[in-house]
C-alpha atoms as a PDB file:
ATOM      1  CA  MET A   1      11.587 -16.937   6.675  1.00  0.00           C
ATOM      2  CA  LYS A   2       9.013 -14.180   6.828  1.00  0.00           C
ATOM      3  CA  SER A   3      11.554 -11.550   5.725  1.00  0.00           C
ATOM      4  CA  LEU A   4      12.533 -13.710   2.734  1.00  0.00           C
ATOM      5  CA  LEU A   5       8.902 -14.125   1.700  1.00  0.00           C
ATOM      6  CA  THR A   6       8.332 -10.416   2.101  1.00  0.00           C
ATOM      7  CA  CYS A   7      11.265  -9.705  -0.211  1.00  0.00           C
ATOM      8  CA  LEU A   8       9.812 -12.082  -2.783  1.00  0.00           C
ATOM      9  CA  LEU A   9       6.529 -10.189  -2.598  1.00  0.00           C
ATOM     10  CA  LEU A  10       8.279  -6.923  -3.282  1.00  0.00           C
ATOM     11  CA  LEU A  11       9.851  -8.439  -6.380  1.00  0.00           C
ATOM     12  CA  ALA A  12       6.566  -9.787  -7.722  1.00  0.00           C
ATOM     13  CA  THR A  13       5.440  -8.283 -11.034  1.00  0.00           C
ATOM     14  CA  PRO A  14       1.904  -7.648 -12.316  1.00  0.00           C
ATOM     15  CA  LEU A  15       0.314 -10.515 -14.226  1.00  0.00           C
ATOM     16  CA  SER A  16      -1.816  -9.430 -17.151  1.00  0.00           C
ATOM     17  CA  ALA A  17      -5.185 -11.169 -17.679  1.00  0.00           C
ATOM     18  CA  ASP A  18      -4.800 -13.110 -14.425  1.00  0.00           C
ATOM     19  CA  SER A  19      -7.203 -13.705 -11.560  1.00  0.00           C
ATOM     20  CA  ILE A  20      -7.345 -14.632  -7.882  1.00  0.00           C
ATOM     21  CA  THR A  21     -10.035 -15.726  -5.444  1.00  0.00           C
ATOM     22  CA  LEU A  22     -10.251 -13.714  -2.234  1.00  0.00           C
ATOM     23  CA  ALA A  23     -12.094 -15.312   0.693  1.00  0.00           C
ATOM     24  CA  SER A  24     -13.163 -12.455   2.907  1.00  0.00           C
ATOM     25  CA  THR A  25     -15.694 -11.123   5.357  1.00  0.00           C
ATOM     26  CA  THR A  26     -19.163  -9.759   4.764  1.00  0.00           C
ATOM     27  CA  SER A  27     -18.148  -6.538   6.544  1.00  0.00           C
ATOM     28  CA  THR A  28     -15.591  -5.594   3.916  1.00  0.00           C
ATOM     29  CA  GLN A  29     -17.959  -6.518   1.088  1.00  0.00           C
ATOM     30  CA  ASN A  30     -21.174  -5.011   2.493  1.00  0.00           C
ATOM     31  CA  SER A  31     -19.461  -1.744   3.341  1.00  0.00           C
ATOM     32  CA  GLY A  32     -18.657  -1.211  -0.341  1.00  0.00           C
ATOM     33  CA  LEU A  33     -14.902  -1.242   0.253  1.00  0.00           C
ATOM     34  CA  TYR A  34     -14.158  -3.922  -2.336  1.00  0.00           C
ATOM     35  CA  ASP A  35     -16.329  -2.252  -4.977  1.00  0.00           C
ATOM     36  CA  TYR A  36     -14.103   0.769  -4.418  1.00  0.00           C
ATOM     37  CA  LEU A  37     -10.678  -0.885  -4.033  1.00  0.00           C
ATOM     38  CA  ILE A  38     -10.661  -3.836  -6.412  1.00  0.00           C
ATOM     39  CA  PRO A  39     -11.186  -1.847  -9.636  1.00  0.00           C
ATOM     40  CA  LEU A  40      -8.127   0.221  -8.640  1.00  0.00           C
ATOM     41  CA  PHE A  41      -6.094  -2.963  -8.173  1.00  0.00           C
ATOM     42  CA  THR A  42      -7.270  -4.458 -11.468  1.00  0.00           C
ATOM     43  CA  LYS A  43      -6.502  -1.207 -13.291  1.00  0.00           C
ATOM     44  CA  ASP A  44      -2.973  -1.163 -11.845  1.00  0.00           C
ATOM     45  CA  THR A  45      -2.149  -4.846 -12.376  1.00  0.00           C
ATOM     46  CA  GLY A  46      -4.581  -6.418 -14.842  1.00  0.00           C
ATOM     47  CA  ILE A  47      -5.452  -9.031 -12.199  1.00  0.00           C
ATOM     48  CA  GLU A  48      -9.130  -9.795 -11.671  1.00  0.00           C
ATOM     49  CA  VAL A  49     -10.389 -10.569  -8.167  1.00  0.00           C
ATOM     50  CA  LYS A  50     -13.310 -12.854  -7.331  1.00  0.00           C
ATOM     51  CA  VAL A  51     -14.541 -12.139  -3.794  1.00  0.00           C
ATOM     52  CA  ILE A  52     -16.237 -14.819  -1.704  1.00  0.00           C
ATOM     53  CA  ALA A  53     -17.818 -12.805   1.117  1.00  0.00           C
ATOM     54  CA  VAL A  54     -18.744 -14.921   4.138  1.00  0.00           C
ATOM     55  CA  GLY A  55     -18.098 -14.884   7.875  1.00  0.00           C
ATOM     56  CA  THR A  56     -14.509 -15.168   9.094  1.00  0.00           C
ATOM     57  CA  GLY A  57     -14.956 -18.775  10.231  1.00  0.00           C
ATOM     58  CA  GLN A  58     -16.307 -19.861   6.851  1.00  0.00           C
ATOM     59  CA  ALA A  59     -13.656 -17.858   4.988  1.00  0.00           C
ATOM     60  CA  LEU A  60     -10.967 -19.700   6.936  1.00  0.00           C
ATOM     61  CA  ARG A  61     -12.584 -23.046   6.092  1.00  0.00           C
ATOM     62  CA  ILE A  62     -12.675 -22.132   2.400  1.00  0.00           C
ATOM     63  CA  ALA A  63      -8.966 -21.308   2.496  1.00  0.00           C
ATOM     64  CA  ARG A  64      -8.190 -24.507   4.445  1.00  0.00           C
ATOM     65  CA  ASN A  65      -9.798 -26.433   1.593  1.00  0.00           C
ATOM     66  CA  GLY A  66      -7.527 -24.708  -0.927  1.00  0.00           C
ATOM     67  CA  ASP A  67     -10.458 -22.913  -2.546  1.00  0.00           C
ATOM     68  CA  ALA A  68      -8.968 -19.414  -2.230  1.00  0.00           C
ATOM     69  CA  ASP A  69      -5.657 -17.810  -3.108  1.00  0.00           C
ATOM     70  CA  VAL A  70      -5.737 -15.121  -0.448  1.00  0.00           C
ATOM     71  CA  LEU A  71      -7.692 -14.441   2.735  1.00  0.00           C
ATOM     72  CA  MET A  72      -8.879 -11.211   4.436  1.00  0.00           C
ATOM     73  CA  VAL A  73     -10.450 -11.702   7.869  1.00  0.00           C
ATOM     74  CA  HIS A  74     -10.717 -10.029  11.261  1.00  0.00           C
ATOM     75  CA  HIS A  75     -10.132 -12.372  14.176  1.00  0.00           C
ATOM     76  CA  ARG A  76      -6.457 -12.482  15.137  1.00  0.00           C
ATOM     77  CA  PRO A  77      -6.537 -15.693  17.251  1.00  0.00           C
ATOM     78  CA  SER A  78      -8.101 -17.584  14.331  1.00  0.00           C
ATOM     79  CA  GLU A  79      -5.597 -16.039  11.919  1.00  0.00           C
ATOM     80  CA  ASP A  80      -2.681 -17.084  14.138  1.00  0.00           C
ATOM     81  CA  ALA A  81      -4.043 -20.638  14.334  1.00  0.00           C
ATOM     82  CA  PHE A  82      -4.401 -20.727  10.532  1.00  0.00           C
ATOM     83  CA  MET A  83      -0.759 -19.699  10.181  1.00  0.00           C
ATOM     84  CA  ALA A  84       0.480 -22.104  12.864  1.00  0.00           C
ATOM     85  CA  GLN A  85      -1.248 -25.001  11.112  1.00  0.00           C
ATOM     86  CA  GLY A  86       0.652 -24.228   7.915  1.00  0.00           C
ATOM     87  CA  TYR A  87      -2.290 -23.104   5.783  1.00  0.00           C
ATOM     88  CA  GLY A  88      -0.904 -19.605   5.303  1.00  0.00           C
ATOM     89  CA  SER A  89       2.545 -18.489   4.166  1.00  0.00           C
ATOM     90  CA  VAL A  90       2.582 -14.785   5.180  1.00  0.00           C
ATOM     91  CA  ARG A  91       0.218 -12.536   7.121  1.00  0.00           C
ATOM     92  CA  PHE A  92      -0.043  -8.739   6.716  1.00  0.00           C
ATOM     93  CA  ASP A  93      -1.773  -6.071   8.799  1.00  0.00           C
ATOM     94  CA  VAL A  94      -3.954  -4.076   6.378  1.00  0.00           C
ATOM     95  CA  MET A  95      -6.436  -1.872   8.236  1.00  0.00           C
ATOM     96  CA  TYR A  96      -8.687  -1.625  11.263  1.00  0.00           C
ATOM     97  CA  ASN A  97     -11.842  -0.087  12.623  1.00  0.00           C
ATOM     98  CA  ASP A  98     -13.828  -1.044  15.705  1.00  0.00           C
ATOM     99  CA  PHE A  99     -16.903  -2.867  16.887  1.00  0.00           C
ATOM    100  CA  VAL A 100     -19.890  -0.925  18.179  1.00  0.00           C
ATOM    101  CA  LEU A 101     -22.898  -1.950  20.226  1.00  0.00           C
ATOM    102  CA  VAL A 102     -26.027  -0.615  18.560  1.00  0.00           C
ATOM    103  CA  GLY A 103     -29.562  -0.642  19.845  1.00  0.00           C
ATOM    104  CA  PRO A 104     -32.408   1.402  21.297  1.00  0.00           C
ATOM    105  CA  GLN A 105     -31.902   4.105  23.900  1.00  0.00           C
ATOM    106  CA  MET A 106     -30.486   2.746  27.159  1.00  0.00           C
ATOM    107  CA  PRO A 107     -32.526   3.639  30.258  1.00  0.00           C
ATOM    108  CA  GLN A 108     -29.258   4.410  32.025  1.00  0.00           C
ATOM    109  CA  LYS A 109     -25.785   3.841  30.640  1.00  0.00           C
ATOM    110  CA  PRO A 110     -23.746   1.556  32.929  1.00  0.00           C
ATOM    111  CA  LYS A 111     -20.124   2.249  33.779  1.00  0.00           C
ATOM    112  CA  SER A 112     -18.787  -0.440  31.430  1.00  0.00           C
ATOM    113  CA  LEU A 113     -19.835  -2.608  28.510  1.00  0.00           C
ATOM    114  CA  THR A 114     -19.219  -5.680  30.675  1.00  0.00           C
ATOM    115  CA  ARG A 115     -21.664  -4.382  33.254  1.00  0.00           C
ATOM    116  CA  PHE A 116     -24.245  -3.610  30.568  1.00  0.00           C
ATOM    117  CA  LEU A 117     -24.053  -7.192  29.266  1.00  0.00           C
ATOM    118  CA  GLN A 118     -24.416  -8.521  32.802  1.00  0.00           C
ATOM    119  CA  ILE A 119     -27.541  -6.394  33.334  1.00  0.00           C
ATOM    120  CA  MET A 120     -29.010  -7.627  30.039  1.00  0.00           C
ATOM    121  CA  ALA A 121     -28.479 -11.251  31.055  1.00  0.00           C
ATOM    122  CA  GLN A 122     -29.945 -10.671  34.505  1.00  0.00           C
ATOM    123  CA  ASP A 123     -33.021  -8.648  33.472  1.00  0.00           C
ATOM    124  CA  GLN A 124     -33.728 -10.469  30.186  1.00  0.00           C
ATOM    125  CA  THR A 125     -36.078  -7.654  29.158  1.00  0.00           C
ATOM    126  CA  HIS A 126     -34.109  -6.446  26.124  1.00  0.00           C
ATOM    127  CA  LEU A 127     -33.639  -8.565  23.021  1.00  0.00           C
ATOM    128  CA  PHE A 128     -30.080  -9.171  21.808  1.00  0.00           C
ATOM    129  CA  ILE A 129     -29.512 -10.338  18.224  1.00  0.00           C
ATOM    130  CA  SER A 130     -26.415 -12.489  17.719  1.00  0.00           C
ATOM    131  CA  ARG A 131     -25.126 -13.319  14.268  1.00  0.00           C
ATOM    132  CA  GLY A 132     -24.434 -16.866  15.451  1.00  0.00           C
ATOM    133  CA  ASP A 133     -22.462 -17.596  12.290  1.00  0.00           C
ATOM    134  CA  ASP A 134     -18.855 -18.030  13.519  1.00  0.00           C
ATOM    135  CA  SER A 135     -17.898 -14.745  11.860  1.00  0.00           C
ATOM    136  CA  GLY A 136     -15.243 -12.428  13.267  1.00  0.00           C
ATOM    137  CA  THR A 137     -18.014 -10.284  14.736  1.00  0.00           C
ATOM    138  CA  HIS A 138     -19.657 -13.332  16.312  1.00  0.00           C
ATOM    139  CA  LYS A 139     -16.320 -14.474  17.731  1.00  0.00           C
ATOM    140  CA  LYS A 140     -15.771 -11.046  19.277  1.00  0.00           C
ATOM    141  CA  GLU A 141     -19.279 -11.052  20.707  1.00  0.00           C
ATOM    142  CA  ARG A 142     -18.663 -14.431  22.367  1.00  0.00           C
ATOM    143  CA  GLU A 143     -15.432 -13.088  23.855  1.00  0.00           C
ATOM    144  CA  LEU A 144     -17.318 -10.121  25.333  1.00  0.00           C
ATOM    145  CA  TRP A 145     -19.990 -12.360  26.852  1.00  0.00           C
ATOM    146  CA  ALA A 146     -17.287 -14.648  28.289  1.00  0.00           C
ATOM    147  CA  GLN A 147     -15.764 -11.642  30.050  1.00  0.00           C
ATOM    148  CA  ALA A 148     -19.153 -10.704  31.493  1.00  0.00           C
ATOM    149  CA  LEU A 149     -20.754 -14.055  32.382  1.00  0.00           C
ATOM    150  CA  ASP A 150     -19.719 -17.422  33.795  1.00  0.00           C
ATOM    151  CA  THR A 151     -21.843 -19.266  31.235  1.00  0.00           C
ATOM    152  CA  PRO A 152     -22.868 -18.387  27.654  1.00  0.00           C
ATOM    153  CA  PRO A 153     -26.040 -16.282  27.309  1.00  0.00           C
ATOM    154  CA  SER A 154     -29.279 -18.157  26.687  1.00  0.00           C
ATOM    155  CA  GLY A 155     -33.012 -17.607  26.797  1.00  0.00           C
ATOM    156  CA  THR A 156     -35.668 -16.007  24.626  1.00  0.00           C
ATOM    157  CA  TRP A 157     -34.018 -12.598  25.049  1.00  0.00           C
ATOM    158  CA  TYR A 158     -30.873 -13.880  23.256  1.00  0.00           C
ATOM    159  CA  ARG A 159     -31.483 -14.818  19.625  1.00  0.00           C
ATOM    160  CA  GLU A 160     -28.842 -16.412  17.388  1.00  0.00           C
ATOM    161  CA  ILE A 161     -29.833 -16.108  13.746  1.00  0.00           C
ATOM    162  CA  GLY A 162     -26.964 -17.763  11.844  1.00  0.00           C
ATOM    163  CA  ALA A 163     -26.756 -14.928   9.317  1.00  0.00           C
ATOM    164  CA  GLY A 164     -24.601 -12.026   8.188  1.00  0.00           C
ATOM    165  CA  MET A 165     -24.239  -8.536   9.595  1.00  0.00           C
ATOM    166  CA  GLY A 166     -26.842  -6.973   7.336  1.00  0.00           C
ATOM    167  CA  ALA A 167     -29.484  -9.511   8.389  1.00  0.00           C
ATOM    168  CA  ALA A 168     -28.593  -9.025  12.068  1.00  0.00           C
ATOM    169  CA  LEU A 169     -28.916  -5.252  11.774  1.00  0.00           C
ATOM    170  CA  ASN A 170     -32.212  -5.540   9.896  1.00  0.00           C
ATOM    171  CA  MET A 171     -33.621  -7.794  12.599  1.00  0.00           C
ATOM    172  CA  ALA A 172     -32.313  -5.529  15.367  1.00  0.00           C
ATOM    173  CA  ALA A 173     -33.991  -2.559  13.683  1.00  0.00           C
ATOM    174  CA  SER A 174     -37.318  -4.360  13.248  1.00  0.00           C
ATOM    175  CA  GLU A 175     -37.302  -5.773  16.799  1.00  0.00           C
ATOM    176  CA  ASN A 176     -35.795  -2.675  18.454  1.00  0.00           C
ATOM    177  CA  ALA A 177     -33.021  -4.906  19.780  1.00  0.00           C
ATOM    178  CA  TYR A 178     -29.323  -4.678  20.510  1.00  0.00           C
ATOM    179  CA  THR A 179     -26.554  -6.208  18.425  1.00  0.00           C
ATOM    180  CA  LEU A 180     -22.811  -5.973  17.930  1.00  0.00           C
ATOM    181  CA  SER A 181     -21.626  -4.612  14.569  1.00  0.00           C
ATOM    182  CA  ASP A 182     -18.401  -3.618  12.944  1.00  0.00           C
ATOM    183  CA  ARG A 183     -18.411   0.146  12.460  1.00  0.00           C
ATOM    184  CA  GLY A 184     -17.959  -0.035   8.689  1.00  0.00           C
ATOM    185  CA  THR A 185     -21.118  -2.070   8.115  1.00  0.00           C
ATOM    186  CA  TRP A 186     -23.068   0.047  10.601  1.00  0.00           C
ATOM    187  CA  LEU A 187     -22.127   3.301   8.884  1.00  0.00           C
ATOM    188  CA  SER A 188     -23.066   1.936   5.462  1.00  0.00           C
ATOM    189  CA  PHE A 189     -26.327   0.377   6.724  1.00  0.00           C
ATOM    190  CA  GLY A 190     -29.417   2.232   5.544  1.00  0.00           C
ATOM    191  CA  ASN A 191     -32.220   0.770   7.662  1.00  0.00           C
ATOM    192  CA  LYS A 192     -31.188   2.027  11.100  1.00  0.00           C
ATOM    193  CA  GLY A 193     -34.684   2.762  12.393  1.00  0.00           C
ATOM    194  CA  ASP A 194     -34.462   3.846  16.042  1.00  0.00           C
ATOM    195  CA  LEU A 195     -31.078   2.192  16.518  1.00  0.00           C
ATOM    196  CA  ALA A 196     -27.950   4.168  17.331  1.00  0.00           C
ATOM    197  CA  ILE A 197     -24.461   3.447  18.625  1.00  0.00           C
ATOM    198  CA  ARG A 198     -24.839   2.916  22.361  1.00  0.00           C
ATOM    199  CA  TRP A 199     -21.316   1.772  23.178  1.00  0.00           C
ATOM    200  CA  ALA A 200     -17.992   2.316  21.423  1.00  0.00           C
ATOM    201  CA  GLY A 201     -14.387   3.169  22.106  1.00  0.00           C
ATOM    202  CA  ASP A 202     -13.336   0.376  24.465  1.00  0.00           C
ATOM    203  CA  PRO A 203      -9.886  -1.106  23.723  1.00  0.00           C
ATOM    204  CA  ASP A 204     -11.544  -4.549  23.602  1.00  0.00           C
ATOM    205  CA  LEU A 205     -13.652  -3.363  20.652  1.00  0.00           C
ATOM    206  CA  ARG A 206     -10.722  -2.715  18.315  1.00  0.00           C
ATOM    207  CA  ASN A 207     -11.181  -4.617  15.041  1.00  0.00           C
ATOM    208  CA  PRO A 208      -8.011  -5.257  12.976  1.00  0.00           C
ATOM    209  CA  TYR A 209      -8.118  -6.880   9.535  1.00  0.00           C
ATOM    210  CA  GLY A 210      -5.365  -9.210   8.361  1.00  0.00           C
ATOM    211  CA  LEU A 211      -4.471 -10.433   4.867  1.00  0.00           C
ATOM    212  CA  ILE A 212      -3.044 -13.952   4.577  1.00  0.00           C
ATOM    213  CA  LEU A 213      -1.518 -15.606   1.529  1.00  0.00           C
ATOM    214  CA  VAL A 214      -2.621 -19.217   1.276  1.00  0.00           C
ATOM    215  CA  ASN A 215       0.396 -21.538   1.371  1.00  0.00           C
ATOM    216  CA  PRO A 216       1.309 -22.796  -2.125  1.00  0.00           C
ATOM    217  CA  ASP A 217       3.402 -25.589  -0.583  1.00  0.00           C
ATOM    218  CA  ARG A 218       0.165 -27.066   0.738  1.00  0.00           C
ATOM    219  CA  PHE A 219      -1.960 -26.112  -2.292  1.00  0.00           C
ATOM    220  CA  PRO A 220       0.221 -26.010  -5.434  1.00  0.00           C
ATOM    221  CA  HIS A 221      -2.759 -25.192  -7.659  1.00  0.00           C
ATOM    222  CA  ILE A 222      -3.367 -21.719  -6.196  1.00  0.00           C
ATOM    223  CA  ASN A 223      -2.278 -18.556  -7.991  1.00  0.00           C
ATOM    224  CA  ALA A 224       0.432 -17.646  -5.489  1.00  0.00           C
ATOM    225  CA  GLN A 225       2.169 -15.047  -7.653  1.00  0.00           C
ATOM    226  CA  ALA A 226      -0.972 -13.015  -8.325  1.00  0.00           C
ATOM    227  CA  ALA A 227      -1.983 -13.322  -4.658  1.00  0.00           C
ATOM    228  CA  ALA A 228       1.442 -11.970  -3.677  1.00  0.00           C
ATOM    229  CA  GLU A 229       0.905  -9.065  -6.048  1.00  0.00           C
ATOM    230  CA  PHE A 230      -2.389  -8.292  -4.310  1.00  0.00           C
ATOM    231  CA  ALA A 231      -0.680  -8.337  -0.898  1.00  0.00           C
ATOM    232  CA  LYS A 232       2.067  -6.040  -2.154  1.00  0.00           C
ATOM    233  CA  TRP A 233      -0.474  -3.641  -3.638  1.00  0.00           C
ATOM    234  CA  ILE A 234      -2.912  -3.403  -0.710  1.00  0.00           C
ATOM    235  CA  THR A 235      -0.144  -2.730   1.830  1.00  0.00           C
ATOM    236  CA  ALA A 236       1.576  -0.092  -0.343  1.00  0.00           C
ATOM    237  CA  PRO A 237       0.941   3.678   0.006  1.00  0.00           C
ATOM    238  CA  ARG A 238      -1.523   3.954  -2.920  1.00  0.00           C
ATOM    239  CA  ALA A 239      -3.978   1.415  -1.510  1.00  0.00           C
ATOM    240  CA  GLN A 240      -3.432   2.518   2.092  1.00  0.00           C
ATOM    241  CA  ALA A 241      -4.309   6.080   1.039  1.00  0.00           C
ATOM    242  CA  ALA A 242      -7.386   4.773  -0.785  1.00  0.00           C
ATOM    243  CA  ILE A 243      -8.540   2.909   2.349  1.00  0.00           C
ATOM    244  CA  GLU A 244      -8.057   6.098   4.359  1.00  0.00           C
ATOM    245  CA  ALA A 245     -10.041   8.112   1.799  1.00  0.00           C
ATOM    246  CA  PHE A 246     -12.976   5.657   1.561  1.00  0.00           C
ATOM    247  CA  ARG A 247     -16.072   7.300   3.015  1.00  0.00           C
ATOM    248  CA  ILE A 248     -19.828   7.014   3.009  1.00  0.00           C
ATOM    249  CA  GLU A 249     -21.714  10.271   3.468  1.00  0.00           C
ATOM    250  CA  GLY A 250     -18.483  11.852   4.654  1.00  0.00           C
ATOM    251  CA  MET A 251     -17.822   9.186   7.308  1.00  0.00           C
ATOM    252  CA  GLN A 252     -14.590   7.162   7.332  1.00  0.00           C
ATOM    253  CA  LEU A 253     -15.199   3.417   7.590  1.00  0.00           C
ATOM    254  CA  PHE A 254     -11.683   1.963   7.869  1.00  0.00           C
ATOM    255  CA  CYS A 255      -8.291   3.146   9.086  1.00  0.00           C
ATOM    256  CA  PRO A 256      -5.174   2.030   7.173  1.00  0.00           C
ATOM    257  CA  HIS A 257      -2.541   0.117   9.091  1.00  0.00           C
ATOM    258  CA  THR A 258       0.073   2.468   7.641  1.00  0.00           C
ATOM    259  CA  PRO A 259      -1.493   5.934   7.329  1.00  0.00           C
ATOM    260  CA  VAL A 260      -0.176   8.024   4.460  1.00  0.00           C
ATOM    261  CA  ASN A 261      -1.130  11.257   6.189  1.00  0.00           C
ATOM    262  CA  ALA A 262      -0.336  10.632   9.858  1.00  0.00           C
ATOM    263  CA  THR A 263      -1.643  14.026  10.979  1.00  0.00           C
ATOM    264  CA  GLN A 264      -5.014  13.552   9.277  1.00  0.00           C
ATOM    265  CA  SER A 265      -5.255   9.921  10.353  1.00  0.00           C
ATOM    266  CA  ALA A 266      -4.713  10.876  13.993  1.00  0.00           C
ATOM    267  CA  LYS A 267      -7.883  13.000  13.787  1.00  0.00           C
ATOM    268  CA  THR A 268     -10.107  10.244  12.418  1.00  0.00           C
ATOM    269  CA  CYS A 269      -8.616   6.973  13.681  1.00  0.00           C
ATOM    270  CA  PRO A 270      -7.968   5.707  17.209  1.00  0.00           C
ATOM    271  CA  ALA A 271      -4.396   4.946  18.199  1.00  0.00           C
ATOM    272  CA  GLN A 272      -3.183   1.531  17.123  1.00  0.00           C
END
């Protein structure tokens, strides 16, 4: 079935003066990626894109209500559940980056991120800011704590704020605290203060982004043809090259799933 749907996508044609609603994450919006990519897509196809930028959990709920045509999120277990429940018709790998732990200088860097989290929970002397908003970043953070502790973190040292990545980083900077961020938002964030990346590079911190077409059999009112055109465009070489070329102050924020220049990509992106 998936191969048939993929073939239909490849046959889709641009729709002039059309529009779609994209439910997506704050990380892709706040990084400036959509301000860079979407005008290219509209120029190529004539299709306008309205972005609803929220946490992954809320984006999935919006799509489950039939209030979006296409979905871009970054938590694979939630994406797989969305597909299994019949809310999505096809899923595509689009790009990836990684999560980073940012914060003040560590007195001594432990041997692993798991051990660092355990020390934080035991000492309770360093403040940790959690997004607490059911976003992809929050889901990843909870997974990391579950690997480190028998019970979820709690106490005055652990603060859930129920807000987006920008708000979490601002609070971490003002309180000289630690937080987990996607690399793209961190690199584009201007108010770093004394914060810096203190942990990165673990395989568990890989952060893939998936694009899902909302199922028109469940929601006949959605613009399935224009959404399919968006999926075809963003996974094709032109958009993949644009994702690879997107930089802020010379720093690459996202790695395309299908690099156009494999040699260059190998220098700037971790292995998939």
